[in-house]
Amino acid sequence: MEEDERGIIERAAILRRWNVRGKHLLDLGAGPLAIIAAREFDCRVTTVDVSEVAVREARCEVEREGLSDKIIVEQADATALPYLSGRFEVVIGFGILHHIEPLKRLRLLREAARVASEAVILAELNAAGFKKIHEFKDYTPVDLAWLEQALQTFGAVESCEGRLMNVYVLSLRSLD
């Protein structure tokens, strides 16, 4: 998969590889993925973040990009999502799990699987990526073997390893 100059798998490469074109997405953690999905892949996106500041910044960016008709930005906790089961075709989280307390990570996986009807896509830093990007911050790295095993309790999992980041895709039913 294509990586950026830092060695992080590109968001567009993930969206392209797992064919999300035209899908209804839930993006966990407000960031650039929602804009890429809406603009380049014709997705309807709801992006959520627990941070009020991140939500405010994301709303400004969506308006600046002229994508208010395709992207909804809401404040929500990814470990207790306020959506009905199966509400979104695909739930995606790009580099968010290490921001979640380790004891709450399984709750996030359960919620993502609950609100997705087709797939959950999680991109997370591997040991090299965590060391390079977050080694001296107050985050706890994700045990990627645990992540893959936990996802397998919900269904079939495909993984893709990069230099600094891995991608895990939980298929709840086959993607088109």
C-alpha atoms as a PDB file:
ATOM      1  CA  MET A   1       0.000   0.000   0.000  1.00  0.00           C
ATOM      2  CA  GLU A   2       1.141   3.526  -0.694  1.00  0.00           C
ATOM      3  CA  GLU A   3       2.770   5.322   2.216  1.00  0.00           C
ATOM      4  CA  ASP A   4       3.458   9.013   2.733  1.00  0.00           C
ATOM      5  CA  GLU A   5       6.934  10.479   3.187  1.00  0.00           C
ATOM      6  CA  ARG A   6       6.857   9.615   6.912  1.00  0.00           C
ATOM      7  CA  GLY A   7       6.001   5.961   6.210  1.00  0.00           C
ATOM      8  CA  ILE A   8       2.326   6.162   7.189  1.00  0.00           C
ATOM      9  CA  ILE A   9      -0.145   4.330   4.953  1.00  0.00           C
ATOM     10  CA  GLU A  10      -2.089   6.903   2.954  1.00  0.00           C
ATOM     11  CA  ARG A  11      -5.754   7.318   3.815  1.00  0.00           C
ATOM     12  CA  ALA A  12      -6.781   7.328   0.147  1.00  0.00           C
ATOM     13  CA  ALA A  13      -4.913   4.034  -0.382  1.00  0.00           C
ATOM     14  CA  ILE A  14      -6.973   2.425   2.385  1.00  0.00           C
ATOM     15  CA  LEU A  15     -10.239   3.760   0.972  1.00  0.00           C
ATOM     16  CA  ARG A  16      -9.282   2.590  -2.525  1.00  0.00           C
ATOM     17  CA  ARG A  17      -8.057  -0.866  -1.463  1.00  0.00           C
ATOM     18  CA  TRP A  18     -11.242  -1.661   0.450  1.00  0.00           C
ATOM     19  CA  ASN A  19     -13.554  -0.123  -2.136  1.00  0.00           C
ATOM     20  CA  VAL A  20     -15.572   2.337  -0.081  1.00  0.00           C
ATOM     21  CA  ARG A  21     -16.681   4.412  -3.080  1.00  0.00           C
ATOM     22  CA  GLY A  22     -20.214   5.714  -2.568  1.00  0.00           C
ATOM     23  CA  LYS A  23     -20.553   4.135   0.895  1.00  0.00           C
ATOM     24  CA  HIS A  24     -21.984   5.640   4.068  1.00  0.00           C
ATOM     25  CA  LEU A  25     -19.042   5.900   6.484  1.00  0.00           C
ATOM     26  CA  LEU A  26     -18.556   6.588  10.148  1.00  0.00           C
ATOM     27  CA  ASP A  27     -15.093   8.109  10.669  1.00  0.00           C
ATOM     28  CA  LEU A  28     -13.904   7.726  14.270  1.00  0.00           C
ATOM     29  CA  GLY A  29     -11.686  10.650  15.249  1.00  0.00           C
ATOM     30  CA  ALA A  30     -12.150  13.850  13.265  1.00  0.00           C
ATOM     31  CA  GLY A  31      -9.336  14.310  10.779  1.00  0.00           C
ATOM     32  CA  PRO A  32      -8.615  14.525   7.056  1.00  0.00           C
ATOM     33  CA  LEU A  33     -10.056  11.091   6.219  1.00  0.00           C
ATOM     34  CA  ALA A  34     -13.647  12.389   6.084  1.00  0.00           C
ATOM     35  CA  ILE A  35     -12.763  15.036   3.512  1.00  0.00           C
ATOM     36  CA  ILE A  36     -10.790  12.562   1.375  1.00  0.00           C
ATOM     37  CA  ALA A  37     -13.670  10.049   1.508  1.00  0.00           C
ATOM     38  CA  ALA A  38     -16.302  12.636   0.577  1.00  0.00           C
ATOM     39  CA  ARG A  39     -14.324  14.447  -2.129  1.00  0.00           C
ATOM     40  CA  GLU A  40     -12.429  11.594  -3.791  1.00  0.00           C
ATOM     41  CA  PHE A  41     -14.692   8.590  -3.108  1.00  0.00           C
ATOM     42  CA  ASP A  42     -18.182  10.141  -3.167  1.00  0.00           C
ATOM     43  CA  CYS A  43     -18.948   8.904   0.357  1.00  0.00           C
ATOM     44  CA  ARG A  44     -21.466  10.258   2.812  1.00  0.00           C
ATOM     45  CA  VAL A  45     -19.521  10.606   6.044  1.00  0.00           C
ATOM     46  CA  THR A  46     -20.328  11.154   9.676  1.00  0.00           C
ATOM     47  CA  THR A  47     -17.144  11.979  11.554  1.00  0.00           C
ATOM     48  CA  VAL A  48     -17.055  11.948  15.342  1.00  0.00           C
ATOM     49  CA  ASP A  49     -14.597  13.023  17.975  1.00  0.00           C
ATOM     50  CA  VAL A  50     -14.823  13.245  21.749  1.00  0.00           C
ATOM     51  CA  SER A  51     -12.963  16.574  21.702  1.00  0.00           C
ATOM     52  CA  GLU A  52     -15.070  19.702  21.372  1.00  0.00           C
ATOM     53  CA  VAL A  53     -12.085  21.539  19.875  1.00  0.00           C
ATOM     54  CA  ALA A  54     -11.507  18.816  17.251  1.00  0.00           C
ATOM     55  CA  VAL A  55     -15.212  18.895  16.335  1.00  0.00           C
ATOM     56  CA  ARG A  56     -15.184  22.667  15.947  1.00  0.00           C
ATOM     57  CA  GLU A  57     -12.034  22.543  13.782  1.00  0.00           C
ATOM     58  CA  ALA A  58     -13.461  19.716  11.653  1.00  0.00           C
ATOM     59  CA  ARG A  59     -16.703  21.653  11.055  1.00  0.00           C
ATOM     60  CA  CYS A  60     -14.698  24.672   9.893  1.00  0.00           C
ATOM     61  CA  GLU A  61     -12.629  22.492   7.549  1.00  0.00           C
ATOM     62  CA  VAL A  62     -15.745  20.827   6.102  1.00  0.00           C
ATOM     63  CA  GLU A  63     -17.311  24.238   5.431  1.00  0.00           C
ATOM     64  CA  ARG A  64     -14.053  25.582   3.955  1.00  0.00           C
ATOM     65  CA  GLU A  65     -13.919  22.577   1.593  1.00  0.00           C
ATOM     66  CA  GLY A  66     -17.584  23.038   0.604  1.00  0.00           C
ATOM     67  CA  LEU A  67     -18.546  19.529   1.742  1.00  0.00           C
ATOM     68  CA  SER A  68     -21.280  20.289   4.274  1.00  0.00           C
ATOM     69  CA  ASP A  69     -23.779  18.374   2.129  1.00  0.00           C
ATOM     70  CA  LYS A  70     -21.678  15.166   2.374  1.00  0.00           C
ATOM     71  CA  ILE A  71     -20.068  15.325   5.833  1.00  0.00           C
ATOM     72  CA  ILE A  72     -21.713  15.568   9.245  1.00  0.00           C
ATOM     73  CA  VAL A  73     -19.418  16.343  12.184  1.00  0.00           C
ATOM     74  CA  GLU A  74     -20.614  15.340  15.661  1.00  0.00           C
ATOM     75  CA  GLN A  75     -19.189  15.161  19.140  1.00  0.00           C
ATOM     76  CA  ALA A  76     -19.385  11.574  20.381  1.00  0.00           C
ATOM     77  CA  ASP A  77     -17.404   9.024  22.353  1.00  0.00           C
ATOM     78  CA  ALA A  78     -16.339   6.128  20.109  1.00  0.00           C
ATOM     79  CA  THR A  79     -16.714   3.751  23.059  1.00  0.00           C
ATOM     80  CA  ALA A  80     -20.428   4.613  23.414  1.00  0.00           C
ATOM     81  CA  LEU A  81     -21.732   5.589  19.977  1.00  0.00           C
ATOM     82  CA  PRO A  82     -25.222   7.175  19.813  1.00  0.00           C
ATOM     83  CA  TYR A  83     -26.221   5.343  16.606  1.00  0.00           C
ATOM     84  CA  LEU A  84     -28.503   2.434  15.805  1.00  0.00           C
ATOM     85  CA  SER A  85     -26.973  -0.942  14.993  1.00  0.00           C
ATOM     86  CA  GLY A  86     -25.958  -1.275  11.340  1.00  0.00           C
ATOM     87  CA  ARG A  87     -26.395   2.485  10.731  1.00  0.00           C
ATOM     88  CA  PHE A  88     -23.216   2.800   8.615  1.00  0.00           C
ATOM     89  CA  GLU A  89     -21.909   0.558   5.868  1.00  0.00           C
ATOM     90  CA  VAL A  90     -18.300   1.046   6.944  1.00  0.00           C
ATOM     91  CA  VAL A  91     -16.742   2.293  10.174  1.00  0.00           C
ATOM     92  CA  ILE A  92     -13.168   3.493   9.896  1.00  0.00           C
ATOM     93  CA  GLY A  93     -10.636   4.593  12.472  1.00  0.00           C
ATOM     94  CA  PHE A  94      -7.274   5.932  11.332  1.00  0.00           C
ATOM     95  CA  GLY A  95      -4.690   5.933  14.124  1.00  0.00           C
ATOM     96  CA  ILE A  96      -7.174   6.330  16.953  1.00  0.00           C
ATOM     97  CA  LEU A  97      -6.818   3.266  19.168  1.00  0.00           C
ATOM     98  CA  HIS A  98      -3.631   4.431  20.879  1.00  0.00           C
ATOM     99  CA  HIS A  99      -5.583   7.540  21.961  1.00  0.00           C
ATOM    100  CA  ILE A 100      -8.094   5.322  23.811  1.00  0.00           C
ATOM    101  CA  GLU A 101      -7.397   3.999  27.301  1.00  0.00           C
ATOM    102  CA  PRO A 102      -6.354   0.344  26.976  1.00  0.00           C
ATOM    103  CA  LEU A 103      -9.265  -0.859  29.130  1.00  0.00           C
ATOM    104  CA  LYS A 104     -11.758   0.900  26.814  1.00  0.00           C
ATOM    105  CA  ARG A 105     -10.371  -0.359  23.504  1.00  0.00           C
ATOM    106  CA  LEU A 106     -12.520  -3.492  23.413  1.00  0.00           C
ATOM    107  CA  ARG A 107     -15.586  -1.297  23.969  1.00  0.00           C
ATOM    108  CA  LEU A 108     -14.609   0.751  20.918  1.00  0.00           C
ATOM    109  CA  LEU A 109     -14.283  -2.425  18.827  1.00  0.00           C
ATOM    110  CA  ARG A 110     -17.704  -3.637  19.991  1.00  0.00           C
ATOM    111  CA  GLU A 111     -19.312  -0.297  19.170  1.00  0.00           C
ATOM    112  CA  ALA A 112     -17.649  -0.103  15.748  1.00  0.00           C
ATOM    113  CA  ALA A 113     -18.817  -3.638  14.885  1.00  0.00           C
ATOM    114  CA  ARG A 114     -22.309  -2.863  16.177  1.00  0.00           C
ATOM    115  CA  VAL A 115     -22.899   0.240  14.049  1.00  0.00           C
ATOM    116  CA  ALA A 116     -21.247  -1.156  10.877  1.00  0.00           C
ATOM    117  CA  SER A 117     -23.203  -3.278   8.434  1.00  0.00           C
ATOM    118  CA  GLU A 118     -20.333  -4.297   6.120  1.00  0.00           C
ATOM    119  CA  ALA A 119     -16.883  -3.632   7.548  1.00  0.00           C
ATOM    120  CA  VAL A 120     -14.740  -2.017  10.203  1.00  0.00           C
ATOM    121  CA  ILE A 121     -11.377  -0.697   9.005  1.00  0.00           C
ATOM    122  CA  LEU A 122      -8.773   0.185  11.626  1.00  0.00           C
ATOM    123  CA  ALA A 123      -5.344   1.574  10.795  1.00  0.00           C
ATOM    124  CA  GLU A 124      -2.979   1.638  13.750  1.00  0.00           C
ATOM    125  CA  LEU A 125       0.678   2.373  14.340  1.00  0.00           C
ATOM    126  CA  ASN A 126       2.889  -0.678  14.690  1.00  0.00           C
ATOM    127  CA  ALA A 127       5.808  -0.722  17.170  1.00  0.00           C
ATOM    128  CA  ALA A 128       8.147   1.156  14.799  1.00  0.00           C
ATOM    129  CA  GLY A 129       5.489   3.757  14.011  1.00  0.00           C
ATOM    130  CA  PHE A 130       4.581   4.305  17.642  1.00  0.00           C
ATOM    131  CA  LYS A 131       8.226   4.721  18.594  1.00  0.00           C
ATOM    132  CA  LYS A 132       8.810   7.223  15.781  1.00  0.00           C
ATOM    133  CA  ILE A 133       5.645   9.302  16.298  1.00  0.00           C
ATOM    134  CA  HIS A 134       4.436   8.961  19.906  1.00  0.00           C
ATOM    135  CA  GLU A 135       7.269   7.525  21.989  1.00  0.00           C
ATOM    136  CA  PHE A 136       7.419  10.463  24.405  1.00  0.00           C
ATOM    137  CA  LYS A 137       3.703  11.237  24.630  1.00  0.00           C
ATOM    138  CA  ASP A 138       1.166   9.952  27.139  1.00  0.00           C
ATOM    139  CA  TYR A 139      -0.245   7.244  24.894  1.00  0.00           C
ATOM    140  CA  THR A 140      -0.093   3.485  25.254  1.00  0.00           C
ATOM    141  CA  PRO A 141       0.751   1.497  22.121  1.00  0.00           C
ATOM    142  CA  VAL A 142      -1.809  -0.985  20.857  1.00  0.00           C
ATOM    143  CA  ASP A 143      -0.931  -4.667  21.091  1.00  0.00           C
ATOM    144  CA  LEU A 144      -1.593  -5.486  17.444  1.00  0.00           C
ATOM    145  CA  ALA A 145      -1.786  -9.248  18.044  1.00  0.00           C
ATOM    146  CA  TRP A 146      -4.516  -8.531  20.609  1.00  0.00           C
ATOM    147  CA  LEU A 147      -6.275  -6.209  18.140  1.00  0.00           C
ATOM    148  CA  GLU A 148      -6.360  -8.813  15.391  1.00  0.00           C
ATOM    149  CA  GLN A 149      -7.535 -11.537  17.787  1.00  0.00           C
ATOM    150  CA  ALA A 150     -10.223  -9.265  19.277  1.00  0.00           C
ATOM    151  CA  LEU A 151     -11.516  -8.360  15.815  1.00  0.00           C
ATOM    152  CA  GLN A 152     -11.679 -12.052  14.877  1.00  0.00           C
ATOM    153  CA  THR A 153     -14.325 -12.564  17.556  1.00  0.00           C
ATOM    154  CA  PHE A 154     -16.671 -10.500  15.347  1.00  0.00           C
ATOM    155  CA  GLY A 155     -15.838 -12.064  11.950  1.00  0.00           C
ATOM    156  CA  ALA A 156     -13.169 -12.557   9.302  1.00  0.00           C
ATOM    157  CA  VAL A 157     -10.188 -10.212   9.481  1.00  0.00           C
ATOM    158  CA  GLU A 158      -7.782  -9.188   6.738  1.00  0.00           C
ATOM    159  CA  SER A 159      -4.576  -7.370   7.626  1.00  0.00           C
ATOM    160  CA  CYS A 160      -2.002  -5.366   5.749  1.00  0.00           C
ATOM    161  CA  GLU A 161       1.367  -4.453   7.254  1.00  0.00           C
ATOM    162  CA  GLY A 162       3.209  -1.256   6.428  1.00  0.00           C
ATOM    163  CA  ARG A 163       6.533   0.125   7.615  1.00  0.00           C
ATOM    164  CA  LEU A 164       4.986   2.154  10.446  1.00  0.00           C
ATOM    165  CA  MET A 165       1.296   1.291  10.349  1.00  0.00           C
ATOM    166  CA  ASN A 166      -0.882  -1.775   9.933  1.00  0.00           C
ATOM    167  CA  VAL A 167      -4.454  -1.956   8.665  1.00  0.00           C
ATOM    168  CA  TYR A 168      -7.049  -4.438   9.954  1.00  0.00           C
ATOM    169  CA  VAL A 169     -10.333  -4.982   8.165  1.00  0.00           C
ATOM    170  CA  LEU A 170     -13.182  -6.797   9.855  1.00  0.00           C
ATOM    171  CA  SER A 171     -15.656  -8.073   7.256  1.00  0.00           C
ATOM    172  CA  LEU A 172     -19.164  -8.272   8.596  1.00  0.00           C
ATOM    173  CA  ARG A 173     -20.378  -9.160   5.111  1.00  0.00           C
ATOM    174  CA  SER A 174     -18.515  -8.973   1.821  1.00  0.00           C
ATOM    175  CA  LEU A 175     -17.764  -5.547   0.414  1.00  0.00           C
ATOM    176  CA  ASP A 176     -18.821  -4.942  -3.201  1.00  0.00           C
END
